[in-house]
Protein backbone atom coordinates (compact mmCIF):
# COMPACT_ATOMS: atom_id res chain seq x y z
CA MET A 1 0.05 0.02 0.09
CA ALA A 2 2.85 2.53 -1.07
CA ASN A 3 0.60 4.78 -2.65
CA SER A 4 -2.84 4.56 -0.59
CA LYS A 5 -3.77 3.96 2.85
CA LEU A 6 -4.83 0.66 4.14
CA LYS A 7 -8.32 1.06 5.42
CA ALA A 8 -9.45 -1.14 8.37
CA LEU A 9 -12.68 -1.69 9.45
CA ILE A 10 -12.87 -2.35 13.18
CA LEU A 11 -15.99 -4.34 14.79
CA GLY A 12 -16.84 -4.08 18.57
CA LYS A 13 -15.71 -0.36 18.99
CA SER A 14 -16.85 -0.19 22.74
CA GLY A 15 -14.45 -3.07 23.57
CA GLN A 16 -10.97 -2.34 25.28
CA LEU A 17 -9.09 -3.98 22.30
CA ALA A 18 -10.99 -1.83 19.71
CA GLN A 19 -10.18 1.30 21.91
CA ALA A 20 -6.49 0.26 22.11
CA LEU A 21 -6.19 -0.38 18.15
CA ILE A 22 -7.52 3.07 17.89
CA ALA A 23 -5.18 4.73 20.31
CA ASN A 24 -2.12 3.05 18.65
CA LYS A 25 -3.15 3.28 15.06
CA PRO A 26 -0.08 3.82 12.75
CA ALA A 27 -0.33 7.10 10.80
CA HIS A 28 -0.29 5.26 7.52
CA ILE A 29 -3.29 3.38 8.40
CA GLU A 30 -7.05 4.63 8.14
CA CYS A 31 -9.78 2.97 10.39
CA VAL A 32 -13.29 3.26 11.21
CA ALA A 33 -14.69 1.42 14.27
CA LEU A 34 -18.25 0.16 14.59
CA GLY A 35 -20.40 -0.91 17.42
CA HIS A 36 -23.84 -2.53 17.89
CA LEU A 37 -25.54 0.88 17.82
CA ASP A 38 -23.77 1.52 14.28
CA ILE A 39 -24.26 -1.84 12.56
CA ASN A 40 -26.25 -5.02 13.00
CA LEU A 41 -23.74 -7.99 12.82
CA ALA A 42 -26.37 -10.45 12.46
CA VAL A 43 -27.03 -9.11 8.91
CA THR A 44 -24.43 -9.95 6.38
CA ASP A 45 -25.78 -7.01 4.00
CA GLU A 46 -25.38 -4.52 6.54
CA ILE A 47 -21.68 -5.73 6.99
CA GLU A 48 -21.17 -5.78 3.33
CA SER A 49 -22.58 -2.17 3.10
CA ALA A 50 -20.13 -0.97 5.67
CA ILE A 51 -17.25 -2.49 3.84
CA THR A 52 -18.26 -0.75 0.64
CA THR A 53 -19.23 2.57 2.69
CA HIS A 54 -15.66 2.96 4.04
CA LYS A 55 -13.90 1.17 1.42
CA ALA A 56 -12.49 -1.17 3.68
CA ASP A 57 -9.61 -3.28 2.90
CA LEU A 58 -9.83 -5.63 5.95
CA ILE A 59 -11.99 -6.21 8.88
CA ILE A 60 -10.79 -6.70 12.52
CA ASN A 61 -13.42 -8.43 14.45
CA THR A 62 -13.13 -7.65 18.27
CA ALA A 63 -16.62 -8.17 18.96
CA ALA A 64 -17.50 -10.92 21.34
CA TYR A 65 -19.63 -12.35 24.00
CA THR A 66 -17.12 -12.72 26.90
CA GLN A 67 -19.23 -13.36 30.02
CA VAL A 68 -17.63 -16.86 30.88
CA ASP A 69 -20.19 -17.76 33.71
CA LEU A 70 -23.22 -16.36 32.07
CA ALA A 71 -22.40 -18.14 29.11
CA GLU A 72 -23.42 -21.50 30.90
CA SER A 73 -27.19 -20.23 31.31
CA GLU A 74 -27.09 -18.13 28.03
CA PRO A 75 -25.79 -20.57 25.36
CA GLU A 76 -27.97 -18.94 22.51
CA SER A 77 -26.28 -15.56 23.40
CA ALA A 78 -22.97 -16.99 23.35
CA TYR A 79 -23.14 -18.98 20.19
CA GLY A 80 -25.31 -16.43 18.53
CA ILE A 81 -22.49 -13.86 18.95
CA ASN A 82 -19.35 -15.85 18.89
CA GLU A 83 -20.20 -18.45 16.10
CA LEU A 84 -23.50 -17.27 14.15
CA THR A 85 -22.35 -13.41 14.03
CA VAL A 86 -18.81 -14.19 13.21
CA GLU A 87 -20.03 -16.48 10.44
CA LYS A 88 -22.03 -13.31 8.97
CA ILE A 89 -18.79 -11.39 9.37
CA ALA A 90 -16.72 -13.93 7.48
CA LYS A 91 -19.43 -14.34 4.60
CA ALA A 92 -19.35 -10.40 4.27
CA ALA A 93 -15.54 -10.46 4.12
CA GLN A 94 -15.73 -13.45 1.55
CA ASN A 95 -18.27 -11.74 -0.67
CA ARG A 96 -16.18 -8.51 -0.71
CA ASP A 97 -12.99 -10.31 -1.29
CA ILE A 98 -11.33 -8.94 1.88
CA ARG A 99 -9.09 -10.09 4.78
CA LEU A 100 -10.58 -11.05 8.12
CA ILE A 101 -8.58 -11.03 11.41
CA HIS A 102 -10.63 -12.65 14.05
CA ILE A 103 -9.77 -12.47 17.92
CA SER A 104 -10.00 -15.75 19.92
CA THR A 105 -8.98 -17.00 23.38
CA ASP A 106 -6.77 -19.12 25.18
CA TYR A 107 -9.97 -20.66 26.67
CA VAL A 108 -10.57 -23.27 23.63
CA PHE A 109 -7.83 -25.33 25.64
CA ASP A 110 -8.83 -27.42 28.71
CA GLY A 111 -5.46 -26.25 30.54
CA LYS A 112 -4.65 -29.94 31.21
CA GLN A 113 -1.15 -30.01 29.64
CA SER A 114 1.92 -28.67 31.40
CA THR A 115 3.49 -26.70 28.73
CA PRO A 116 2.38 -23.70 26.65
CA TYR A 117 -0.21 -24.29 23.98
CA THR A 118 1.17 -23.86 20.33
CA ILE A 119 -0.99 -23.17 17.49
CA PHE A 120 -0.73 -26.91 16.51
CA ASP A 121 -2.31 -28.04 19.81
CA THR A 122 -5.78 -29.16 19.22
CA PRO A 123 -8.55 -27.10 21.08
CA HIS A 124 -10.65 -28.86 23.83
CA PRO A 125 -12.81 -26.11 25.66
CA ILE A 126 -14.13 -27.25 29.07
CA ASN A 127 -16.73 -24.25 29.22
CA LEU A 128 -19.46 -23.20 27.09
CA TYR A 129 -17.62 -19.60 26.47
CA GLY A 130 -14.53 -21.31 25.14
CA ALA A 131 -16.69 -23.67 23.00
CA SER A 132 -18.58 -20.85 21.51
CA LYS A 133 -15.19 -19.29 20.47
CA PHE A 134 -13.85 -22.35 18.92
CA ALA A 135 -17.06 -22.86 17.11
CA GLY A 136 -16.39 -18.96 15.81
CA GLU A 137 -12.90 -20.19 14.79
CA LYS A 138 -14.23 -23.12 12.65
CA ALA A 139 -16.80 -20.91 11.09
CA VAL A 140 -14.06 -18.13 9.93
CA ARG A 141 -11.93 -21.07 8.49
CA LYS A 142 -15.00 -22.60 6.58
CA CYS A 143 -16.02 -18.93 4.88
CA LEU A 144 -12.51 -17.93 4.46
CA PRO A 145 -10.06 -20.60 4.26
CA THR A 146 -7.09 -18.78 2.95
CA GLU A 147 -8.06 -14.85 3.49
CA SER A 148 -8.25 -15.13 7.28
CA THR A 149 -6.22 -14.91 10.35
CA ILE A 150 -7.24 -16.06 13.68
CA VAL A 151 -5.28 -14.43 16.69
CA ARG A 152 -5.73 -16.13 20.23
CA THR A 153 -4.98 -14.26 23.12
CA SER A 154 -5.62 -14.23 26.98
CA SER A 155 -6.62 -12.03 29.97
CA LEU A 156 -6.73 -8.80 28.23
CA TYR A 157 -5.97 -5.82 30.41
CA SER A 158 -5.98 -2.06 29.80
CA GLN A 159 -6.94 1.06 31.38
CA TYR A 160 -10.24 0.66 29.11
CA GLY A 161 -13.58 -0.97 30.17
CA THR A 162 -13.90 -3.94 32.27
CA ASN A 163 -11.01 -6.20 32.89
CA PHE A 164 -8.97 -7.75 36.02
CA VAL A 165 -6.71 -4.67 36.38
CA ASN A 166 -9.60 -2.14 36.44
CA THR A 167 -11.48 -4.60 38.80
CA MET A 168 -8.83 -5.15 40.91
CA LEU A 169 -8.05 -1.47 41.68
CA ARG A 170 -11.72 -0.89 42.14
CA VAL A 171 -12.12 -3.39 45.01
CA MET A 172 -8.96 -2.56 46.47
CA ARG A 173 -10.23 0.93 47.16
CA GLU A 174 -13.49 -0.49 48.45
CA LYS A 175 -12.82 -3.64 50.57
CA PRO A 176 -10.95 -4.46 53.45
CA GLU A 177 -9.36 -7.35 51.90
CA ILE A 178 -9.88 -9.66 48.78
CA LYS A 179 -9.58 -13.12 48.07
CA VAL A 180 -8.35 -14.02 44.58
CA ILE A 181 -7.67 -17.48 42.76
CA SER A 182 -4.24 -19.01 43.00
CA ASP A 183 -4.33 -22.46 40.91
CA GLN A 184 -5.57 -20.76 37.49
CA VAL A 185 -2.57 -19.71 35.51
CA SER A 186 -2.26 -17.92 32.16
CA SER A 187 -0.48 -15.01 30.43
CA PRO A 188 -2.07 -11.80 30.73
CA THR A 189 -2.12 -9.68 27.73
CA SER A 190 -1.66 -5.75 27.39
CA ALA A 191 -4.40 -4.39 25.02
CA LYS A 192 -2.11 -1.99 23.56
CA GLU A 193 0.78 -4.61 22.83
CA LEU A 194 -2.01 -6.82 21.26
CA ALA A 195 -3.11 -3.80 19.32
CA LEU A 196 0.35 -3.08 17.94
CA PHE A 197 0.85 -6.82 17.17
CA LEU A 198 -2.43 -6.78 15.09
CA TRP A 199 -1.28 -3.60 13.05
CA THR A 200 1.92 -5.45 12.60
CA LEU A 201 0.06 -8.31 10.99
CA THR A 202 -1.57 -5.68 8.58
CA GLU A 203 1.52 -4.92 7.15
CA GLN A 204 2.37 -8.41 6.27
CA GLY A 205 2.69 -9.62 2.58
CA SER A 206 1.38 -13.17 3.65
CA LEU A 207 -0.22 -14.30 6.95
CA SER A 208 -0.43 -17.63 8.64
CA PRO A 209 -3.90 -18.64 9.40
CA LEU A 210 -3.31 -18.68 13.17
CA TYR A 211 -1.37 -16.73 15.56
CA HIS A 212 -1.05 -16.65 19.61
CA TRP A 213 -0.08 -13.46 21.27
CA CYS A 214 -0.02 -12.51 24.96
CA ASP A 215 2.52 -10.90 27.11
CA SER A 216 5.55 -13.14 27.93
CA GLY A 217 5.79 -15.13 31.01
CA LYS A 218 2.93 -16.48 33.08
CA THR A 219 1.01 -15.87 36.29
CA SER A 220 -1.85 -16.72 38.57
CA TRP A 221 -4.63 -14.51 39.25
CA TYR A 222 -3.39 -14.29 42.86
CA GLU A 223 0.15 -13.12 41.56
CA PHE A 224 -1.41 -10.79 39.32
CA ALA A 225 -3.27 -9.21 41.90
CA VAL A 226 -0.46 -8.94 44.26
CA THR A 227 1.68 -7.01 41.71
CA ILE A 228 -1.23 -4.82 40.66
CA GLN A 229 -1.43 -3.75 44.30
CA ARG A 230 2.30 -3.26 44.62
CA LEU A 231 2.49 -1.20 41.41
CA ALA A 232 -0.42 0.92 42.15
CA LEU A 233 0.66 1.94 45.64
CA LYS A 234 4.22 2.50 44.16
CA TYR A 235 2.70 4.89 41.45
CA GLY A 236 0.25 6.48 43.79
CA LYS A 237 -2.93 4.71 42.17
CA LEU A 238 -3.94 3.21 45.66
CA GLU A 239 -3.64 4.67 48.90
CA THR A 240 -3.82 1.94 51.25
CA GLU A 241 -2.54 -1.80 51.10
CA ILE A 242 -5.04 -4.40 51.98
CA PRO A 243 -4.42 -8.29 52.58
CA ILE A 244 -4.88 -10.30 49.28
CA ILE A 245 -6.11 -13.93 50.30
CA PRO A 246 -5.12 -16.71 47.85
CA ILE A 247 -7.84 -19.45 47.41
CA SER A 248 -8.72 -22.27 45.13
CA SER A 249 -10.86 -22.30 41.97
CA GLN A 250 -13.06 -24.80 44.31
CA GLU A 251 -13.03 -22.26 47.19
CA TYR A 252 -14.14 -19.46 44.89
CA GLY A 253 -17.14 -21.62 43.04
CA ALA A 254 -17.34 -20.22 39.78
CA VAL A 255 -20.19 -21.42 37.42
CA ALA A 256 -18.15 -22.21 34.77
CA MET A 257 -14.84 -24.26 34.60
CA ARG A 258 -11.60 -22.75 34.01
CA PRO A 259 -8.41 -24.30 32.29
CA GLY A 260 -5.69 -24.68 34.98
CA LEU A 261 -2.90 -23.76 32.65
CA SER A 262 -3.90 -21.87 29.74
CA GLN A 263 -0.44 -20.17 28.82
CA LEU A 264 -0.13 -19.53 25.23
CA ASP A 265 3.03 -20.32 23.14
CA ILE A 266 3.94 -17.13 21.20
CA SER A 267 7.21 -18.32 19.54
CA GLN A 268 5.79 -18.15 16.07
CA SER A 269 4.46 -14.38 16.72
CA GLN A 270 7.64 -13.20 18.32
CA THR A 271 9.23 -13.25 14.70
CA LEU A 272 7.17 -10.44 13.97
CA GLN A 273 7.10 -8.60 17.34
CA GLN A 274 9.02 -8.92 20.40
CA ALA A 275 6.88 -9.50 23.37
CA LYS A 276 7.53 -7.63 26.68
CA SER A 277 6.75 -9.22 29.96
CA TRP A 278 3.46 -9.07 31.62
CA GLN A 279 5.26 -7.30 34.72
CA GLU A 280 6.92 -4.48 32.32
CA ASN A 281 3.60 -4.09 30.47
CA LEU A 282 1.69 -3.83 33.84
CA GLU A 283 4.13 -1.44 35.25
CA SER A 284 3.96 1.07 32.20
CA LEU A 285 0.15 0.74 32.11
CA ILE A 286 -0.25 1.42 35.74
CA LYS A 287 2.58 4.39 35.90
CA LEU A 288 0.95 6.09 32.76
CA ALA A 289 -2.65 5.33 32.67
CA LYS A 290 -5.60 7.36 34.16
CA PHE A 291 -7.88 4.97 36.09
CA THR A 292 -11.13 6.16 37.68
CA ARG A 293 -10.91 6.64 41.33
C-alpha cells in the first residue's frame, strides 16, 4: 500500500481492544470502528454495506460475548455472537474479497497440559464460552480458508472498560481484604501490545492462518493481583494496602470451569514482534494510565 492508506474496519468499538487499536493506530493506516449501535452484525448485507461505504481493505473483528460464567445459562447468546455472528462477518468478507482478522481466546484449551499451548495443539474447551469461541474459529476457516487470520489471546487488560486490572483497583479501594484464585495460570495480555501486534499483521505480505499473542511469562490471578497492588501503591494509584488472600478455584465456586494452565506459546508471533513481560507491560500501564478513582 505504497500509494494509498490501508483502510481497516474495526468491529466491536466499545471494547478495550478496539479502543487500544484506535489509540495505537499507525499514521499510514486509516480505520473506522463500528459498534452495535452503528451496525447489526447479524445481517451480512449490513456488514457488506459498511465495507463498501468505508472502502475497507480488511476487517478486524473484536466483537465477542465474553461473560464466561453467564454463558453457561445463556448458550444462545454466546453462540449467537461468537459463532453465528462471526459466520456472518466472515461471509461478508468473503463476498467482498477482503481479509478478516478475528480474535479468539486461550479458553479454547482445557488447560490440562503442562506446557504452553502452540498453534498446533488441538483445542478442547471445557466451558461453553470456550466452545462458542472455537465454533467461531471454525466458522471463519470454513468461509475464508485462505483470507482469514485468527489471533488467540488471553486475560486482556488495559485502562479501558472492564478487565482484571480495573476490577482489582476498584475492589482494592472498596474492600478491607480480597480473595483471589491462585490455581489458574495464564499469560496476561496488554491490550496496547496486542493492538500493536495486530497492526503489524496488517503490514505483512502474507499471513499464517493462526497466531497466538500475549505478554511473555505466566502468572496466577493471585500473583497478578499482588503485583497490581504493589505497582498501584508505588505510583500513587492506591493509597492503602489491603490483605490479598489466595484461594482455590473450588473455594471460589465459579459457575463455569476454567483451564488450570492456559498459557499460550507465542514463539511464532515473536518473529514479527518481540513480546514484553507481563510485569513490564503492567507497570507501564499503571504508571502512565489514568484510572477511575
